[in-house]
Amino acid sequence: MMKHIKIQLLSRILAVLGLVLSTACGCAAPIPPPPPTPALPPTPTEETPVVDTKPEEMPSFPFTVTDDLGRTIKIEKLPQRIVSLAPSNTEIIYALGLEDRLVGTTDYCDYPEGAKTKPRVASYIAPDMEKLVRIQPDLIIAEAVHEKTVLPALEKLGFTVIVTSAKSLDTILHDITLIGQINGKSKAASHLVANMTRRIEAVVSKTQNLTTEQRPRVLYVVWHNPIWTMGRNTFTDDLIHKAGGVNVFANDFEKSRVVSLEAVVAKNPQIIIVSGMGTTGDLIYNSIISEQRLGSVDAFVNNRIYKISDANIIERPGPRIVDGLEAVAKLIHPEIFGRQK
């Protein structure tokens, strides 16, 4: 049993490391924590590939594209063997109807259901180079976490690699468009992006004119002990803003960082949203609600601590990010969007 729990914790920590691209690294009398707020179920919806009777217009090869790192990559031919090194990229590939070309994924690529049966060629951080050489992909879609060490090694082996690095919801839409363009699925990508944009705009239309006073201070907890959260220039920060809140650490640092309990108390978040995933998700949530030193913050006093049961709709920069936006908007502004069911 203990071995199983340790494996779950290690898996969750590795997933957090994939999400987090950069880290930084006198008690008062105990304050009884408020009654736990029940976990709220997510509202994910599987994006199904768009069926269009008109054929896709193939791009003229070769052509060049620019990825999220500003790298210029030459695409010699239509990719037929694709490897995804991030769960978010795998979800994009499926949403565009490219799953038949997917020949390798990571240990964490678990959505949609079919992704679980694809060959595993990487952990979240490090791919198995021997497996990659053996399967010879003609396109590898990596993530910014791979930039420093993995990307140079892949390029040295002669692989064509594009890197996604989502800093906003607009970047996610751009990445879907880019992956569609490279793979001859521009029309499917356009349909998907249009649908996502419509849903994003439906939320933003109700939050964009909120005053500062009407925007609650929000803390998003990725991990606990120590507390790990997100700063500015992250799609999480952008999502919170579009949902009508203010990320409490947006003005303090970029990307992600460990923050102290004292810093959280000083920020006094009015809402705390906790990443949750299975048993380990309960562990994070239970750790936060039982932390007596946070008992004075507004989120505790007003019983506004929520758990996102499926953290992937918030933490993966892919098609389901709109599900995350809608779920967070309901948590922050139930008076506008209605309460989670």
Protein backbone atom coordinates (compact mmCIF):
# COMPACT_ATOMS: atom_id res chain seq x y z
CA MET A 1 0.00 0.00 0.00
CA MET A 2 2.75 2.48 0.99
CA LYS A 3 4.64 1.67 -2.20
CA HIS A 4 1.50 2.39 -4.26
CA ILE A 5 0.98 5.74 -2.52
CA LYS A 6 4.63 6.71 -3.08
CA ILE A 7 4.31 5.89 -6.78
CA GLN A 8 1.17 8.07 -7.01
CA LEU A 9 2.96 10.96 -5.29
CA LEU A 10 6.02 10.62 -7.55
CA SER A 11 3.80 10.62 -10.65
CA ARG A 12 1.99 13.76 -9.50
CA ILE A 13 5.28 15.55 -8.74
CA LEU A 14 6.61 14.71 -12.23
CA ALA A 15 3.42 16.02 -13.79
CA VAL A 16 3.80 19.25 -11.82
CA LEU A 17 7.39 19.56 -13.08
CA GLY A 18 6.07 19.34 -16.64
CA LEU A 19 3.55 22.10 -16.04
CA VAL A 20 6.04 24.33 -14.22
CA LEU A 21 8.69 25.60 -16.60
CA SER A 22 10.56 27.71 -14.08
CA THR A 23 10.78 27.55 -10.28
CA ALA A 24 12.14 29.83 -7.62
CA CYS A 25 13.10 28.80 -5.35
CA GLY A 26 6.74 32.15 14.91
CA CYS A 27 3.32 30.38 14.87
CA ALA A 28 0.25 31.90 16.53
CA ALA A 29 -2.26 29.90 18.50
CA PRO A 30 -3.88 27.25 16.29
CA ILE A 31 -6.91 28.45 14.33
CA PRO A 32 -9.47 25.76 13.62
CA PRO A 33 -9.91 25.37 9.86
CA PRO A 34 -13.36 26.00 8.36
CA PRO A 35 -15.49 23.04 7.30
CA PRO A 36 -14.15 21.53 4.05
CA THR A 37 -15.85 22.72 0.91
CA PRO A 38 -17.02 19.74 -1.13
CA ALA A 39 -15.01 19.04 -4.24
CA LEU A 40 -16.71 20.38 -7.33
CA PRO A 41 -16.85 18.11 -10.36
CA PRO A 42 -15.23 19.32 -13.58
CA THR A 43 -17.23 19.79 -16.73
CA PRO A 44 -14.91 18.47 -19.42
CA THR A 45 -16.12 17.70 -22.88
CA GLU A 46 -14.22 15.68 -25.45
CA GLU A 47 -13.52 17.68 -28.56
CA THR A 48 -14.35 15.43 -31.51
CA PRO A 49 -12.55 15.85 -34.82
CA VAL A 50 -14.51 18.01 -37.23
CA VAL A 51 -16.06 16.13 -40.13
CA ASP A 52 -16.01 18.20 -43.31
CA THR A 53 -17.12 16.94 -46.69
CA LYS A 54 -14.68 19.24 -48.46
CA PRO A 55 -11.10 17.95 -48.68
CA GLU A 56 -8.30 19.70 -46.84
CA GLU A 57 -6.06 21.89 -48.97
CA MET A 58 -2.55 20.55 -48.60
CA PRO A 59 0.20 23.11 -48.02
CA SER A 60 2.93 23.39 -50.60
CA PHE A 61 6.03 21.63 -49.28
CA PRO A 62 8.64 22.50 -48.25
CA PHE A 63 7.70 25.53 -46.14
CA THR A 64 8.90 27.11 -42.91
CA VAL A 65 7.10 27.85 -39.66
CA THR A 66 8.02 29.63 -36.45
CA ASP A 67 7.38 27.84 -33.16
CA ASP A 68 6.71 29.33 -29.70
CA LEU A 69 10.44 29.65 -28.96
CA GLY A 70 10.89 31.81 -32.06
CA ARG A 71 12.74 29.03 -33.90
CA THR A 72 12.34 28.75 -37.67
CA ILE A 73 11.73 25.16 -38.74
CA LYS A 74 11.61 23.83 -42.27
CA ILE A 75 8.84 21.30 -42.91
CA GLU A 76 10.04 19.18 -45.82
CA LYS A 77 6.96 17.00 -46.33
CA LEU A 78 3.59 16.09 -44.84
CA PRO A 79 4.36 14.34 -41.52
CA GLN A 80 3.21 10.73 -41.37
CA ARG A 81 4.87 9.66 -38.11
CA ILE A 82 4.30 12.07 -35.22
CA VAL A 83 5.64 11.90 -31.67
CA SER A 84 4.11 14.03 -28.92
CA LEU A 85 6.22 14.85 -25.87
CA ALA A 86 3.40 16.50 -23.89
CA PRO A 87 -0.16 15.44 -22.97
CA SER A 88 -1.51 18.80 -24.20
CA ASN A 89 0.00 18.26 -27.64
CA THR A 90 -1.44 14.74 -27.73
CA GLU A 91 -4.90 16.17 -27.03
CA ILE A 92 -4.47 18.65 -29.90
CA ILE A 93 -3.41 15.85 -32.24
CA TYR A 94 -6.54 13.86 -31.41
CA ALA A 95 -8.81 16.89 -31.66
CA LEU A 96 -7.51 17.47 -35.21
CA GLY A 97 -8.08 13.85 -36.24
CA LEU A 98 -4.38 13.04 -36.52
CA GLU A 99 -4.30 10.09 -34.12
CA ASP A 100 -3.58 7.57 -36.89
CA ARG A 101 -0.23 9.29 -37.46
CA LEU A 102 0.68 9.35 -33.76
CA VAL A 103 3.46 6.79 -33.18
CA GLY A 104 4.75 7.85 -29.77
CA THR A 105 3.56 9.64 -26.61
CA THR A 106 4.53 10.18 -22.97
CA ASP A 107 3.63 8.16 -19.89
CA TYR A 108 1.12 10.90 -18.98
CA CYS A 109 -0.80 11.05 -22.25
CA ASP A 110 -4.15 9.69 -21.04
CA TYR A 111 -6.78 11.72 -22.90
CA PRO A 112 -8.79 10.96 -24.89
CA GLU A 113 -9.15 7.27 -24.06
CA GLY A 114 -7.41 6.13 -27.23
CA ALA A 115 -4.21 7.92 -26.23
CA LYS A 116 -3.65 5.35 -23.49
CA THR A 117 -2.95 2.66 -26.08
CA LYS A 118 -0.31 4.57 -28.03
CA PRO A 119 3.36 3.55 -27.65
CA ARG A 120 5.14 5.28 -24.77
CA VAL A 121 8.46 6.82 -25.76
CA ALA A 122 9.02 9.33 -22.96
CA SER A 123 8.40 10.33 -19.38
CA TYR A 124 7.22 13.92 -19.09
CA ILE A 125 10.73 15.31 -18.90
CA ALA A 126 12.95 12.91 -20.84
CA PRO A 127 12.28 10.91 -24.02
CA ASP A 128 13.86 7.52 -24.66
CA MET A 129 16.29 8.39 -27.43
CA GLU A 130 16.78 4.76 -28.44
CA LYS A 131 13.05 4.33 -29.00
CA LEU A 132 12.88 7.55 -31.01
CA VAL A 133 15.73 6.44 -33.24
CA ARG A 134 14.00 3.11 -33.71
CA ILE A 135 10.59 4.51 -34.73
CA GLN A 136 12.06 7.39 -36.79
CA PRO A 137 9.32 10.06 -36.46
CA ASP A 138 9.27 12.77 -39.11
CA LEU A 139 7.80 15.30 -36.64
CA ILE A 140 8.27 15.65 -32.87
CA ILE A 141 6.08 18.12 -30.99
CA ALA A 142 7.86 19.08 -27.77
CA GLU A 143 7.17 21.59 -24.98
CA ALA A 144 9.20 24.43 -23.48
CA VAL A 145 10.29 22.19 -20.60
CA HIS A 146 12.44 20.33 -23.16
CA GLU A 147 14.24 23.43 -24.43
CA LYS A 148 17.54 23.29 -22.54
CA THR A 149 18.62 19.65 -22.79
CA VAL A 150 16.18 17.50 -24.76
CA LEU A 151 15.76 19.81 -27.76
CA PRO A 152 19.50 20.04 -28.58
CA ALA A 153 19.78 16.24 -28.33
CA LEU A 154 16.83 15.73 -30.67
CA GLU A 155 18.21 18.23 -33.18
CA LYS A 156 21.61 16.53 -33.04
CA LEU A 157 19.90 13.32 -34.11
CA GLY A 158 18.40 15.15 -37.08
CA PHE A 159 14.75 15.12 -35.99
CA THR A 160 12.32 17.85 -37.02
CA VAL A 161 11.05 19.37 -33.78
CA ILE A 162 8.57 22.14 -33.05
CA VAL A 163 8.15 23.44 -29.51
CA THR A 164 4.95 24.73 -27.92
CA SER A 165 5.12 27.14 -24.98
CA ALA A 166 1.71 28.50 -24.06
CA LYS A 167 1.77 31.77 -22.10
CA SER A 168 -1.87 32.65 -22.75
CA LEU A 169 -5.07 31.24 -24.16
CA ASP A 170 -4.28 33.01 -27.43
CA THR A 171 -1.02 31.05 -27.61
CA ILE A 172 -2.95 27.81 -27.21
CA LEU A 173 -5.18 28.77 -30.14
CA HIS A 174 -2.08 29.66 -32.16
CA ASP A 175 -0.49 26.28 -31.38
CA ILE A 176 -3.59 24.42 -32.56
CA THR A 177 -3.50 26.43 -35.79
CA LEU A 178 0.23 25.75 -36.23
CA ILE A 179 -0.05 22.00 -35.68
CA GLY A 180 -2.98 21.91 -38.10
CA GLN A 181 -1.02 23.83 -40.74
CA ILE A 182 2.02 21.57 -40.52
CA ASN A 183 -0.05 18.41 -40.78
CA GLY A 184 -2.46 19.38 -43.54
CA LYS A 185 -5.34 19.93 -41.12
CA SER A 186 -5.76 23.70 -41.37
CA LYS A 187 -9.49 23.41 -41.94
CA ALA A 188 -10.04 21.18 -38.89
CA ALA A 189 -7.86 23.51 -36.83
CA SER A 190 -9.85 26.52 -38.00
CA HIS A 191 -13.12 24.89 -36.95
CA LEU A 192 -11.73 23.92 -33.54
CA VAL A 193 -10.20 27.35 -32.90
CA ALA A 194 -13.44 29.06 -33.94
CA ASN A 195 -15.45 26.95 -31.49
CA MET A 196 -12.98 27.57 -28.67
CA THR A 197 -12.87 31.29 -29.45
CA ARG A 198 -16.66 31.50 -29.32
CA ARG A 199 -16.70 29.92 -25.86
CA ILE A 200 -13.86 32.10 -24.60
CA GLU A 201 -15.57 35.25 -25.86
CA ALA A 202 -18.83 34.19 -24.19
CA VAL A 203 -17.02 34.24 -20.84
CA VAL A 204 -14.95 37.36 -21.48
CA SER A 205 -18.00 39.33 -22.61
CA LYS A 206 -19.32 39.01 -19.06
CA THR A 207 -16.06 39.73 -17.22
CA GLN A 208 -14.15 42.28 -19.28
CA ASN A 209 -15.94 45.29 -17.78
CA LEU A 210 -15.67 44.20 -14.15
CA THR A 211 -14.03 46.76 -11.90
CA THR A 212 -11.00 45.97 -9.76
CA GLU A 213 -13.27 45.70 -6.73
CA GLN A 214 -15.48 43.20 -8.56
CA ARG A 215 -12.53 40.90 -9.36
CA PRO A 216 -11.78 38.56 -6.41
CA ARG A 217 -8.17 37.82 -5.47
CA VAL A 218 -7.47 34.23 -6.55
CA LEU A 219 -4.73 31.80 -5.54
CA TYR A 220 -4.28 28.71 -7.72
CA VAL A 221 -2.42 25.96 -5.84
CA VAL A 222 -0.52 23.53 -8.06
CA TRP A 223 1.21 21.72 -5.19
CA HIS A 224 1.46 21.89 -1.42
CA ASN A 225 4.15 21.72 1.27
CA PRO A 226 5.55 23.98 -0.01
CA ILE A 227 2.81 25.83 -1.89
CA TRP A 228 3.54 26.05 -5.59
CA THR A 229 1.61 28.55 -7.70
CA MET A 230 1.69 30.45 -10.97
CA GLY A 231 2.69 34.03 -11.73
CA ARG A 232 2.31 36.22 -14.81
CA ASN A 233 3.10 35.17 -18.37
CA THR A 234 1.31 31.86 -17.82
CA PHE A 235 -1.89 30.64 -19.40
CA THR A 236 -3.16 29.99 -15.87
CA ASP A 237 -2.83 33.68 -15.04
CA ASP A 238 -4.58 34.59 -18.30
CA LEU A 239 -7.36 32.10 -17.58
CA ILE A 240 -7.97 33.56 -14.10
CA HIS A 241 -8.12 37.07 -15.54
CA LYS A 242 -10.54 36.08 -18.31
CA ALA A 243 -12.69 34.27 -15.72
CA GLY A 244 -13.06 37.53 -13.81
CA GLY A 245 -10.46 37.18 -11.08
CA VAL A 246 -7.03 38.52 -10.18
CA ASN A 247 -4.12 36.13 -9.74
CA VAL A 248 -2.69 37.23 -6.38
CA PHE A 249 0.93 36.65 -7.44
CA ALA A 250 0.70 38.08 -10.98
CA ASN A 251 2.71 41.15 -10.05
CA ASP A 252 5.36 39.30 -8.06
CA PHE A 253 7.02 36.90 -10.49
CA GLU A 254 6.82 35.27 -13.90
CA LYS A 255 5.97 31.67 -14.64
CA SER A 256 5.84 29.65 -11.41
CA ARG A 257 7.35 29.67 -7.97
CA VAL A 258 7.19 28.25 -4.50
CA VAL A 259 5.60 30.75 -2.12
CA SER A 260 5.60 30.84 1.66
CA LEU A 261 2.55 30.61 3.89
CA GLU A 262 3.39 34.10 5.12
CA ALA A 263 3.27 35.42 1.55
CA VAL A 264 -0.13 33.81 0.99
CA VAL A 265 -1.47 35.32 4.22
CA ALA A 266 -0.16 38.74 3.16
CA LYS A 267 -1.91 38.42 -0.23
CA ASN A 268 -5.13 37.40 1.53
CA PRO A 269 -6.77 35.54 -1.39
CA GLN A 270 -10.54 35.66 -1.44
CA ILE A 271 -10.72 32.42 -3.42
CA ILE A 272 -8.33 29.46 -3.37
CA ILE A 273 -8.58 26.94 -6.20
CA VAL A 274 -6.68 23.71 -5.64
CA SER A 275 -5.37 21.39 -8.31
CA GLY A 276 -6.88 17.97 -7.82
CA MET A 277 -6.30 14.61 -9.43
CA GLY A 278 -7.47 11.38 -7.84
CA THR A 279 -5.98 10.45 -4.47
CA THR A 280 -3.08 12.88 -4.72
CA GLY A 281 -5.51 15.66 -5.54
CA ASP A 282 -7.31 14.97 -2.28
CA LEU A 283 -3.96 15.13 -0.54
CA ILE A 284 -3.28 18.65 -1.82
CA TYR A 285 -6.80 19.84 -1.01
CA ASN A 286 -6.79 18.32 2.48
CA SER A 287 -3.39 19.81 3.18
CA ILE A 288 -4.62 23.30 2.30
CA ILE A 289 -7.90 23.20 4.22
CA SER A 290 -6.17 21.85 7.32
CA GLU A 291 -3.40 24.46 7.32
CA GLN A 292 -4.23 26.40 10.48
CA ARG A 293 -1.85 29.24 9.64
CA LEU A 294 -4.07 30.14 6.66
CA GLY A 295 -7.17 30.32 8.82
CA SER A 296 -7.31 34.12 8.77
CA VAL A 297 -7.41 34.62 4.99
CA ASP A 298 -10.70 35.57 3.37
CA ALA A 299 -10.97 32.33 1.40
CA PHE A 300 -11.02 30.37 4.67
CA VAL A 301 -13.30 32.77 6.50
CA ASN A 302 -15.86 32.71 3.69
CA ASN A 303 -15.46 29.01 2.90
CA ARG A 304 -14.34 29.63 -0.69
CA ILE A 305 -11.74 26.92 -1.19
CA TYR A 306 -12.45 24.74 -4.20
CA LYS A 307 -10.89 21.70 -5.78
CA ILE A 308 -10.80 21.09 -9.52
CA SER A 309 -11.20 17.32 -9.59
CA ASP A 310 -9.71 17.01 -13.08
CA ALA A 311 -6.76 19.38 -12.97
CA ASN A 312 -5.98 18.65 -16.61
CA ILE A 313 -8.71 21.01 -17.83
CA ILE A 314 -6.78 23.83 -16.11
CA GLU A 315 -3.18 22.69 -16.43
CA ARG A 316 -2.97 21.32 -19.97
CA PRO A 317 -2.74 23.98 -22.69
CA GLY A 318 -4.92 22.15 -25.17
CA PRO A 319 -8.51 22.06 -26.45
CA ARG A 320 -10.03 21.43 -23.01
CA ILE A 321 -8.69 24.69 -21.61
CA VAL A 322 -12.09 26.22 -22.46
CA ASP A 323 -13.69 23.70 -20.10
CA GLY A 324 -11.29 24.94 -17.45
CA LEU A 325 -12.11 28.58 -18.18
CA GLU A 326 -15.84 27.96 -17.87
CA ALA A 327 -15.40 25.94 -14.66
CA VAL A 328 -13.22 28.60 -13.01
CA ALA A 329 -15.59 31.39 -14.10
CA LYS A 330 -18.42 29.61 -12.26
CA LEU A 331 -16.29 29.28 -9.13
CA ILE A 332 -15.21 32.93 -9.14
CA HIS A 333 -18.52 34.48 -10.25
CA PRO A 334 -21.46 32.14 -9.53
CA GLU A 335 -23.66 35.24 -9.51
CA ILE A 336 -22.83 35.70 -13.22
CA PHE A 337 -22.32 32.20 -14.56
CA GLY A 338 -24.32 30.04 -12.15
CA ARG A 339 -22.88 27.54 -9.72
CA GLN A 340 -21.08 24.34 -10.57
CA LYS A 341 -23.42 21.36 -10.67
